Amino acid sequence: MTKKFVNNRFIREPEVQRLTGLSRSTRWRLEQDGDFPNRHQISPNAIAWLESDIQNWIAERVVPMEESNV
């Protein structure tokens, strides 16, 4: 079972890139395929993501060492 984070603050592009390690274009493709959290328009010229959505997305991809085939 994955832990659900509830930190609901908006985080902007640089922090999302730092947390995920993914480029803007890769995240855009994943978002278009429904495989990345949706962005939110927070003002006419600004987008952001909910920190909890990003943290949960990361947590869903972490595989404990005992479950991996390494």
Protein backbone atom coordinates (compact mmCIF):
# COMPACT_ATOMS: atom_id res chain seq x y z
CA MET A 1 0.00 0.00 0.00
CA THR A 2 1.38 3.41 -0.92
CA LYS A 3 1.33 6.31 1.47
CA LYS A 4 -1.00 9.16 0.50
CA PHE A 5 0.45 12.62 0.97
CA VAL A 6 -1.78 15.57 1.82
CA ASN A 7 0.53 18.56 1.40
CA ASN A 8 -1.74 20.71 -0.72
CA ARG A 9 0.41 23.60 -1.70
CA PHE A 10 1.04 24.63 -5.28
CA ILE A 11 4.50 23.95 -6.65
CA ARG A 12 5.82 25.47 -9.85
CA GLU A 13 7.82 24.12 -12.77
CA PRO A 14 11.36 24.19 -11.33
CA GLU A 15 10.36 22.29 -8.20
CA VAL A 16 8.34 19.70 -10.14
CA GLN A 17 11.33 19.10 -12.40
CA ARG A 18 13.65 18.80 -9.37
CA LEU A 19 11.33 16.35 -7.59
CA THR A 20 10.62 14.12 -10.59
CA GLY A 21 13.87 14.39 -12.52
CA LEU A 22 11.81 14.59 -15.71
CA SER A 23 11.99 17.28 -18.35
CA ARG A 24 9.05 19.55 -19.08
CA SER A 25 8.35 17.84 -22.41
CA THR A 26 8.44 14.33 -20.90
CA ARG A 27 6.02 15.37 -18.17
CA TRP A 28 3.76 17.00 -20.77
CA ARG A 29 3.63 13.76 -22.79
CA LEU A 30 2.89 11.73 -19.66
CA GLU A 31 0.17 14.20 -18.67
CA GLN A 32 -1.43 13.96 -22.13
CA ASP A 33 -1.48 10.15 -21.77
CA GLY A 34 -3.06 10.41 -18.31
CA ASP A 35 0.11 9.13 -16.62
CA PHE A 36 1.11 12.31 -14.77
CA PRO A 37 -0.89 14.64 -12.48
CA ASN A 38 -2.73 17.45 -14.20
CA ARG A 39 -1.46 21.00 -13.95
CA HIS A 40 -3.63 23.79 -12.56
CA GLN A 41 -3.97 27.31 -13.94
CA ILE A 42 -3.40 29.46 -10.85
CA SER A 43 -3.39 32.81 -12.64
CA PRO A 44 -3.61 33.96 -16.27
CA ASN A 45 0.14 33.41 -16.77
CA ALA A 46 1.01 30.75 -14.21
CA ILE A 47 0.55 27.00 -13.89
CA ALA A 48 1.35 24.78 -10.94
CA TRP A 49 0.78 21.29 -9.57
CA LEU A 50 -0.45 20.20 -6.17
CA GLU A 51 2.49 18.96 -4.15
CA SER A 52 0.45 16.02 -2.87
CA ASP A 53 -0.32 14.89 -6.45
CA ILE A 54 3.37 14.92 -7.33
CA GLN A 55 4.41 13.16 -4.10
CA ASN A 56 1.76 10.46 -4.61
CA TRP A 57 2.81 10.00 -8.25
CA ILE A 58 6.42 9.47 -7.13
CA ALA A 59 5.40 7.11 -4.30
CA GLU A 60 3.41 4.93 -6.74
CA ARG A 61 6.59 4.35 -8.75
CA VAL A 62 8.87 3.37 -5.89
CA VAL A 63 9.42 -0.38 -5.75
CA PRO A 64 10.86 -1.73 -2.48
CA MET A 65 14.13 -3.64 -2.97
CA GLU A 66 12.62 -6.95 -1.84
CA GLU A 67 9.97 -6.71 -4.59
CA SER A 68 12.37 -5.82 -7.40
CA ASN A 69 14.14 -8.38 -9.55
CA VAL A 70 17.59 -6.91 -8.90
